[in-house]
Protein backbone atom coordinates (compact mmCIF):
# COMPACT_ATOMS: atom_id res chain seq x y z
CA UNK A 1 95.04 82.51 115.59
CA UNK A 2 91.51 83.92 115.15
CA UNK A 3 92.33 85.17 111.67
CA UNK A 4 93.38 81.64 110.76
CA UNK A 5 89.95 80.33 111.77
CA UNK A 6 88.22 83.13 109.89
CA UNK A 7 90.31 82.40 106.79
CA UNK A 8 89.40 78.72 106.92
CA UNK A 9 85.71 79.57 107.37
CA UNK A 10 85.86 81.91 104.38
CA UNK A 11 87.45 79.22 102.21
CA UNK A 12 84.92 76.66 103.33
CA UNK A 13 81.95 78.98 102.89
CA UNK A 14 83.02 80.21 99.46
CA UNK A 15 83.59 76.89 97.74
CA UNK A 16 82.89 77.41 94.06
CA UNK A 17 83.07 81.20 94.26
CA UNK A 18 86.73 82.14 93.99
CA UNK A 19 86.00 85.84 93.51
CA UNK A 20 84.06 86.10 96.75
CA UNK A 21 86.73 84.07 98.51
CA UNK A 22 89.45 86.38 97.19
CA UNK A 23 87.49 89.46 98.14
CA UNK A 24 86.80 88.30 101.69
CA UNK A 25 90.38 87.13 102.24
CA UNK A 26 91.72 90.45 100.93
CA UNK A 27 89.28 92.28 103.18
CA UNK A 28 90.33 90.19 106.19
CA UNK A 29 93.99 90.87 105.44
CA UNK A 30 93.25 94.56 105.06
CA UNK A 31 91.46 94.76 108.40
CA UNK A 32 94.21 92.79 110.13
CA UNK A 33 96.80 95.34 108.94
CA UNK A 34 95.85 97.62 111.82
CA UNK A 35 95.55 100.73 109.68
CA UNK A 36 93.48 103.48 111.20
CA UNK A 37 93.52 105.69 108.11
CA UNK A 38 92.14 103.11 105.73
CA UNK A 39 89.33 105.00 104.00
CA UNK A 40 90.99 105.54 100.61
CA UNK A 41 92.71 102.14 100.51
CA UNK A 42 89.44 100.46 101.47
CA UNK A 43 87.67 102.25 98.62
CA UNK A 44 90.36 101.03 96.20
CA UNK A 45 89.93 97.43 97.35
CA UNK A 46 86.14 97.62 96.96
CA UNK A 47 86.46 99.26 93.54
CA UNK A 48 88.82 96.51 92.36
CA UNK A 49 86.23 93.81 92.95
CA UNK A 50 83.32 95.87 91.62
CA UNK A 51 85.23 96.59 88.41
CA UNK A 52 86.07 92.90 88.00
CA UNK A 53 82.39 92.06 88.29
CA UNK A 54 81.43 94.77 85.78
CA UNK A 55 84.01 93.51 83.30
CA UNK A 56 82.42 90.08 83.29
CA UNK A 57 78.85 91.28 82.77
């Protein structure tokens, strides 16, 4: 239920910025997975979005 509200707030707050919306929704999903050993997977997720940004600049 709370994640639904957070997801809606992300979509509303990121209008016009689909990359940020995607990043925040992926991050929310990742944190909701309940993993306690997430360090490497978290780094991969962050790197994915940083590399996408670098490719465009």
